[in-house]
Amino acid sequence: MKLRHVAVFASCALVGACASHAPRRGAAPASTRAPSRAEPGDDVSRSQSERYRQNSDDGPAAPPIDVSKIPEPVPKSEPRSRYGNKDSYEVLGKTYRVLPDGRGYVERGIASWYGNKFHGYMTSSFEKYDMYAFSAAHKTLPLPSYARVTNLDNGKSVVVRVNDRGPFHENRVIDLSYAAAVKIGVWPKGTGLVEVRAIDPARPNEALPPSTLALAPSRTPATTTSTGSPASPKPAPPSAAALAERAIDAKPLPIGTARIYLQLGAYGDRANAERAMLGAQRAGLADLAIVSVAVAGRTIHRVRLGPLADADAADTMTQRVQRLGLGTPRVAIER
């Protein structure tokens, strides 16, 4: 399995013990159930190149597991983890704001999975990663929290306990454990189009409102202290325009209708959207369209590229858009 994400270990980027750009995560080889105690050699003070027993990730050597025998986690109210819950943190030049809670969170995007390399090693919440449990890594949901992840191609879903940070790949919304990926059919393909809906343990069956805002990372330059050293970045609350850009219809998509698009920008003025689309066309991009939607009493005009064939095509096109100097597009999953 080709790993398609970059992540950061809690003691580095999230606790502040080392550089925020250092990759994190890894696990000792294993093909059986997770051990009952920590794997030997999990020394978080060591460099990333020395910490883990294998360089690339994969699944267990044994045949796929019978996920029907693994119980899904039951959402319950838990205290926030001491680790991995800083108000904000920076990874690879981007600043992420951890949500105060998961209530009302829903987002659609591309899921990846992680497995054997990281099995038995500490997650960002300093819990051991067990690839045979239904868990996940997420950039902004509190640790721990619960979410239902649905594969939009086949309708299969699983409840996961979010106890890790990542994936920090540009176009990924969640990183599933090996077991969760098998459960909903993301393994062994590597990626899948999913919907992530946070679960409020106090109201696990509560319906979401017609429109829900899924918060994406915001870029905020670090300030400087009186001593001249960089202070921790403190991102400002997202603007109304930024929220509107990322708002999605929280009504479930019909299974099998999901398509991948790249959103090059969102504008309150249609003339600005038309100029942006014209600039993209002059740069050589095709299959562009303006999609106008009503959000919170405003009309937002989104410049979209696609649909694209799959996650690999989205990754390739994202790189092309960046090379053209048109910024970093965001993945949008629509009908």
Protein backbone atom coordinates (compact mmCIF):
# COMPACT_ATOMS: atom_id res chain seq x y z
CA MET A 1 0.00 0.00 0.00
CA LYS A 2 1.40 3.38 -0.96
CA LEU A 3 1.00 5.76 1.95
CA ARG A 4 -0.49 9.08 0.86
CA HIS A 5 -0.22 11.27 3.91
CA VAL A 6 2.21 13.17 6.09
CA ALA A 7 1.58 13.43 9.82
CA VAL A 8 3.07 14.87 12.96
CA PHE A 9 3.69 13.18 16.29
CA ALA A 10 2.08 14.83 19.31
CA SER A 11 5.25 15.40 21.29
CA CYS A 12 6.68 17.39 18.35
CA ALA A 13 4.11 19.61 16.65
CA LEU A 14 1.28 19.36 19.13
CA VAL A 15 3.14 19.55 22.43
CA GLY A 16 5.91 21.74 21.07
CA ALA A 17 8.96 19.62 21.88
CA CYS A 18 10.41 19.72 18.37
CA ALA A 19 10.12 21.33 14.95
CA SER A 20 6.61 21.54 13.57
CA HIS A 21 7.63 20.34 10.12
CA ALA A 22 8.94 16.95 11.27
CA PRO A 23 6.89 13.99 10.07
CA ARG A 24 5.38 11.73 12.70
CA ARG A 25 3.90 8.28 13.12
CA GLY A 26 5.22 4.80 12.76
CA ALA A 27 4.79 1.32 14.10
CA ALA A 28 6.59 -1.92 14.59
CA PRO A 29 5.84 -4.78 12.21
CA ALA A 30 2.92 -6.90 13.31
CA SER A 31 0.51 -9.37 11.76
CA THR A 32 -1.51 -10.27 14.84
CA ARG A 33 -3.61 -8.43 17.37
CA ALA A 34 -2.03 -5.40 19.01
CA PRO A 35 0.12 -6.32 22.01
CA SER A 36 -1.13 -5.57 25.50
CA ARG A 37 1.88 -3.42 26.31
CA ALA A 38 3.97 -0.80 24.51
CA GLU A 39 6.16 -2.00 21.70
CA PRO A 40 9.87 -1.96 22.61
CA GLY A 41 11.86 0.87 21.09
CA ASP A 42 9.06 3.46 20.96
CA ASP A 43 11.33 6.29 21.97
CA VAL A 44 9.64 9.57 21.05
CA SER A 45 12.84 11.51 21.71
CA ARG A 46 14.54 9.85 18.75
CA SER A 47 14.47 11.28 15.24
CA GLN A 48 11.71 10.14 12.89
CA SER A 49 14.20 8.27 10.72
CA GLU A 50 15.36 6.23 13.73
CA ARG A 51 12.20 5.82 15.73
CA TYR A 52 10.31 3.27 13.65
CA ARG A 53 11.18 -0.26 12.63
CA GLN A 54 10.05 0.04 9.02
CA ASN A 55 10.17 2.89 6.54
CA SER A 56 6.96 2.34 4.56
CA ASP A 57 3.50 1.39 5.71
CA ASP A 58 1.44 -1.68 4.86
CA GLY A 59 -1.19 -4.01 6.22
CA PRO A 60 -0.60 -7.20 8.20
CA ALA A 61 1.09 -10.15 6.55
CA ALA A 62 -1.92 -12.37 7.29
CA PRO A 63 -5.12 -12.35 5.17
CA PRO A 64 -7.63 -9.52 5.75
CA ILE A 65 -9.24 -9.64 9.18
CA ASP A 66 -12.90 -10.46 9.86
CA VAL A 67 -14.10 -7.01 10.84
CA SER A 68 -17.56 -8.34 11.70
CA LYS A 69 -16.05 -9.68 14.93
CA ILE A 70 -14.65 -6.29 15.99
CA PRO A 71 -17.11 -4.22 18.08
CA GLU A 72 -17.58 -0.61 17.07
CA PRO A 73 -16.76 1.90 19.80
CA VAL A 74 -19.76 3.20 21.72
CA PRO A 75 -19.66 7.02 21.85
CA LYS A 76 -19.34 8.30 25.40
CA SER A 77 -18.37 11.55 27.05
CA GLU A 78 -14.65 11.55 27.80
CA PRO A 79 -12.32 14.21 29.17
CA ARG A 80 -10.12 15.85 26.55
CA SER A 81 -6.73 14.26 26.23
CA ARG A 82 -3.85 16.07 27.89
CA TYR A 83 -1.92 15.75 24.65
CA GLY A 84 -2.86 16.70 21.09
CA ASN A 85 -5.44 19.34 22.02
CA LYS A 86 -3.58 22.64 21.80
CA ASP A 87 -5.86 25.44 20.63
CA SER A 88 -3.78 25.70 17.48
CA TYR A 89 -0.72 24.06 15.98
CA GLU A 90 1.32 24.38 12.82
CA VAL A 91 2.37 21.64 10.43
CA LEU A 92 4.18 22.13 7.11
CA GLY A 93 3.43 25.85 7.09
CA LYS A 94 -0.28 25.54 7.86
CA THR A 95 -1.99 26.46 11.10
CA TYR A 96 -4.83 24.28 12.36
CA ARG A 97 -7.39 25.26 15.01
CA VAL A 98 -8.65 22.42 17.17
CA LEU A 99 -12.42 22.58 17.49
CA PRO A 100 -13.81 23.07 21.03
CA ASP A 101 -16.09 20.11 20.40
CA GLY A 102 -17.36 18.06 17.48
CA ARG A 103 -21.02 19.01 17.62
CA GLY A 104 -22.41 19.77 14.16
CA TYR A 105 -19.20 18.88 12.33
CA VAL A 106 -19.64 17.25 8.93
CA GLU A 107 -17.20 17.16 6.04
CA ARG A 108 -16.77 15.22 2.83
CA GLY A 109 -13.45 14.40 1.29
CA ILE A 110 -10.85 11.73 0.63
CA ALA A 111 -9.95 9.23 3.35
CA SER A 112 -6.69 7.32 3.60
CA TRP A 113 -5.59 4.65 6.08
CA TYR A 114 -2.55 3.70 8.14
CA GLY A 115 -1.52 0.36 9.53
CA ASN A 116 1.40 -1.89 10.28
CA LYS A 117 4.17 0.70 10.37
CA PHE A 118 2.46 2.56 13.21
CA HIS A 119 0.97 -0.40 15.09
CA GLY A 120 1.76 -0.26 18.81
CA TYR A 121 3.33 3.20 18.72
CA MET A 122 1.99 6.27 20.49
CA THR A 123 -0.65 8.44 18.81
CA SER A 124 -0.91 12.20 19.25
CA SER A 125 -3.01 11.65 22.38
CA PHE A 126 -0.27 9.32 23.73
CA GLU A 127 -2.46 6.26 23.38
CA LYS A 128 -1.05 3.25 21.57
CA TYR A 129 -2.18 2.92 18.00
CA ASP A 130 -4.02 -0.36 17.38
CA MET A 131 -4.64 -1.02 13.69
CA TYR A 132 -7.21 -3.68 14.66
CA ALA A 133 -9.46 -1.16 16.46
CA PHE A 134 -11.89 1.24 14.84
CA SER A 135 -10.02 4.51 15.27
CA ALA A 136 -8.91 7.46 13.16
CA ALA A 137 -6.67 10.50 12.89
CA HIS A 138 -8.15 13.93 12.21
CA LYS A 139 -6.63 17.40 12.02
CA THR A 140 -9.12 19.43 14.05
CA LEU A 141 -11.61 17.26 15.96
CA PRO A 142 -10.93 17.09 19.71
CA LEU A 143 -9.02 14.09 21.08
CA PRO A 144 -10.75 11.87 21.84
CA SER A 145 -14.02 12.21 19.95
CA TYR A 146 -16.29 10.03 17.87
CA ALA A 147 -17.42 10.17 14.27
CA ARG A 148 -19.31 8.08 11.77
CA VAL A 149 -17.40 7.65 8.52
CA THR A 150 -19.39 6.59 5.45
CA ASN A 151 -17.93 5.40 2.16
CA LEU A 152 -19.88 7.41 -0.44
CA ASP A 153 -19.24 4.81 -3.14
CA ASN A 154 -20.80 1.80 -1.38
CA GLY A 155 -22.73 3.13 1.62
CA LYS A 156 -20.71 1.19 4.20
CA SER A 157 -20.05 3.06 7.43
CA VAL A 158 -18.23 2.68 10.73
CA VAL A 159 -18.08 4.54 14.03
CA VAL A 160 -14.50 5.49 14.87
CA ARG A 161 -12.85 6.94 17.93
CA VAL A 162 -10.59 9.82 16.91
CA ASN A 163 -7.42 9.70 19.01
CA ASP A 164 -4.70 10.90 16.62
CA ARG A 165 -3.71 13.89 14.47
CA GLY A 166 -3.37 13.82 10.71
CA PRO A 167 -3.38 13.18 7.84
CA PHE A 168 -1.47 16.25 6.66
CA HIS A 169 -1.57 15.33 3.00
CA GLU A 170 -3.06 18.27 1.09
CA ASN A 171 -6.16 16.40 -0.09
CA ARG A 172 -7.08 14.09 2.82
CA VAL A 173 -9.81 14.65 5.38
CA ILE A 174 -9.30 11.65 7.70
CA ASP A 175 -6.89 8.77 8.22
CA LEU A 176 -8.60 5.50 9.14
CA SER A 177 -7.14 2.62 11.07
CA TYR A 178 -6.54 -0.52 9.04
CA ALA A 179 -9.62 -2.20 10.56
CA ALA A 180 -11.87 0.78 9.83
CA ALA A 181 -10.58 0.94 6.26
CA VAL A 182 -11.38 -2.76 5.77
CA LYS A 183 -14.83 -2.27 7.32
CA ILE A 184 -15.96 0.33 4.78
CA GLY A 185 -14.00 -0.85 1.77
CA VAL A 186 -11.20 1.73 1.64
CA TRP A 187 -8.62 -1.05 2.07
CA PRO A 188 -6.78 -2.22 -0.03
CA LYS A 189 -7.52 0.53 -2.55
CA GLY A 190 -5.77 3.06 -0.32
CA THR A 191 -8.24 5.94 -0.53
CA GLY A 192 -11.99 6.45 -0.70
CA LEU A 193 -14.59 9.21 -0.93
CA VAL A 194 -16.14 9.56 2.50
CA GLU A 195 -18.38 11.65 4.66
CA VAL A 196 -17.25 12.32 8.24
CA ARG A 197 -19.97 13.20 10.76
CA ALA A 198 -18.97 13.90 14.33
CA ILE A 199 -21.11 12.24 17.01
CA ASP A 200 -22.23 14.07 20.13
CA PRO A 201 -22.16 11.34 22.84
CA ALA A 202 -24.94 13.12 24.71
CA ARG A 203 -27.16 13.06 21.60
CA PRO A 204 -25.82 10.28 19.35
CA ASN A 205 -28.92 10.20 17.14
CA GLU A 206 -29.44 13.94 16.84
CA ALA A 207 -29.99 15.10 13.24
CA LEU A 208 -27.72 17.78 11.82
CA PRO A 209 -29.11 21.09 10.53
CA PRO A 210 -29.62 21.51 6.76
CA SER A 211 -26.31 23.34 6.36
CA THR A 212 -23.21 22.69 8.44
CA LEU A 213 -19.86 24.42 8.31
CA ALA A 214 -16.79 22.21 8.15
CA LEU A 215 -13.76 24.19 9.30
CA ALA A 216 -10.55 23.84 7.33
CA PRO A 217 -7.06 24.99 8.39
CA SER A 218 -6.31 28.68 8.25
CA ARG A 219 -2.96 30.31 7.60
CA THR A 220 -1.78 32.75 10.27
CA PRO A 221 1.75 34.16 10.48
CA ALA A 222 3.52 33.71 13.78
CA THR A 223 3.97 36.80 15.91
CA THR A 224 7.24 37.76 17.58
CA THR A 225 7.76 38.09 21.32
CA SER A 226 9.67 40.89 23.03
CA THR A 227 12.72 38.62 23.13
CA GLY A 228 12.66 38.30 19.36
CA SER A 229 11.66 34.62 19.31
CA PRO A 230 8.60 33.48 17.37
CA ALA A 231 5.48 33.13 19.48
CA SER A 232 2.94 30.37 19.00
CA PRO A 233 0.60 31.25 16.10
CA LYS A 234 -2.85 32.33 17.19
CA PRO A 235 -5.19 32.10 14.23
CA ALA A 236 -8.05 34.51 14.08
CA PRO A 237 -11.56 33.07 13.92
CA PRO A 238 -12.50 32.20 10.33
CA SER A 239 -14.25 35.01 8.51
CA ALA A 240 -17.84 34.72 7.34
CA ALA A 241 -16.57 34.44 3.77
CA ALA A 242 -14.20 31.61 4.70
CA LEU A 243 -16.97 29.75 6.46
CA ALA A 244 -19.32 30.23 3.54
CA GLU A 245 -16.66 28.92 1.16
CA ARG A 246 -16.48 25.64 3.06
CA ALA A 247 -20.15 25.20 3.91
CA ILE A 248 -21.73 22.02 2.58
CA ASP A 249 -25.21 20.63 2.42
CA ALA A 250 -25.41 18.26 5.38
CA LYS A 251 -28.07 16.10 3.72
CA PRO A 252 -26.59 12.70 2.81
CA LEU A 253 -25.47 12.19 -0.78
CA PRO A 254 -27.14 9.33 -2.63
CA ILE A 255 -24.71 6.43 -2.59
CA GLY A 256 -22.66 6.13 -5.76
CA THR A 257 -23.25 9.74 -6.89
CA ALA A 258 -20.18 11.30 -5.25
CA ARG A 259 -17.72 13.00 -7.59
CA ILE A 260 -14.38 14.70 -6.91
CA TYR A 261 -13.89 18.34 -7.84
CA LEU A 262 -11.20 20.88 -7.06
CA GLN A 263 -12.44 24.24 -5.86
CA LEU A 264 -10.14 27.00 -7.08
CA GLY A 265 -11.92 29.75 -5.17
CA ALA A 266 -15.20 31.11 -3.84
CA TYR A 267 -16.47 34.66 -4.39
CA GLY A 268 -19.34 36.84 -3.27
CA ASP A 269 -19.24 38.73 -6.59
CA ARG A 270 -19.89 36.60 -9.67
CA ALA A 271 -17.76 38.94 -11.79
CA ASN A 272 -14.75 38.05 -9.63
CA ALA A 273 -15.52 34.36 -10.07
CA GLU A 274 -15.69 34.82 -13.84
CA ARG A 275 -12.34 36.61 -13.86
CA ALA A 276 -10.79 33.82 -11.80
CA MET A 277 -12.15 31.16 -14.14
CA LEU A 278 -10.91 33.07 -17.19
CA GLY A 279 -7.44 33.30 -15.65
CA ALA A 280 -7.43 29.54 -15.01
CA GLN A 281 -8.52 28.86 -18.59
CA ARG A 282 -5.77 31.09 -19.96
CA ALA A 283 -3.31 29.10 -17.82
CA GLY A 284 -4.39 25.98 -19.68
CA LEU A 285 -6.95 24.42 -17.34
CA ALA A 286 -10.14 22.93 -18.72
CA ASP A 287 -13.39 21.44 -17.35
CA LEU A 288 -14.07 24.58 -15.31
CA ALA A 289 -17.43 25.84 -14.14
CA ILE A 290 -18.96 28.34 -11.74
CA VAL A 291 -21.36 26.84 -9.21
CA SER A 292 -23.54 29.35 -7.34
CA VAL A 293 -24.99 28.32 -3.97
CA ALA A 294 -26.93 30.09 -1.24
CA VAL A 295 -25.18 29.98 2.13
CA ALA A 296 -26.37 31.80 5.26
CA GLY A 297 -28.41 34.28 3.22
CA ARG A 298 -25.58 34.97 0.77
CA THR A 299 -24.90 33.74 -2.75
CA ILE A 300 -21.44 32.27 -3.11
CA HIS A 301 -19.93 31.63 -6.55
CA ARG A 302 -17.47 28.72 -6.52
CA VAL A 303 -15.00 28.08 -9.33
CA ARG A 304 -14.78 24.30 -9.72
CA LEU A 305 -12.59 22.02 -11.82
CA GLY A 306 -13.75 18.51 -12.64
CA PRO A 307 -15.14 16.03 -12.09
CA LEU A 308 -11.90 14.06 -11.68
CA ALA A 309 -11.51 10.32 -11.99
CA ASP A 310 -10.17 9.54 -8.51
CA ALA A 311 -7.99 10.68 -5.62
CA ASP A 312 -4.80 10.18 -7.61
CA ALA A 313 -6.13 12.45 -10.35
CA ALA A 314 -7.05 15.05 -7.74
CA ASP A 315 -3.54 14.91 -6.28
CA THR A 316 -1.93 15.29 -9.70
CA MET A 317 -4.20 18.18 -10.69
CA THR A 318 -3.64 19.92 -7.34
CA GLN A 319 0.10 19.94 -8.02
CA ARG A 320 -0.49 21.32 -11.50
CA VAL A 321 -2.70 24.12 -10.17
CA GLN A 322 -0.04 25.02 -7.61
CA ARG A 323 2.71 25.07 -10.24
CA LEU A 324 0.59 27.47 -12.32
CA GLY A 325 0.57 29.89 -9.40
CA LEU A 326 -3.17 29.59 -8.85
CA GLY A 327 -2.94 28.72 -5.17
CA THR A 328 -3.89 25.50 -3.45
CA PRO A 329 -7.35 24.22 -4.38
CA ARG A 330 -9.50 22.31 -1.94
CA VAL A 331 -11.21 19.02 -2.65
CA ALA A 332 -15.00 19.18 -2.92
CA ILE A 333 -17.17 16.06 -2.99
CA GLU A 334 -20.47 16.66 -4.74
CA ARG A 335 -22.97 14.83 -6.95
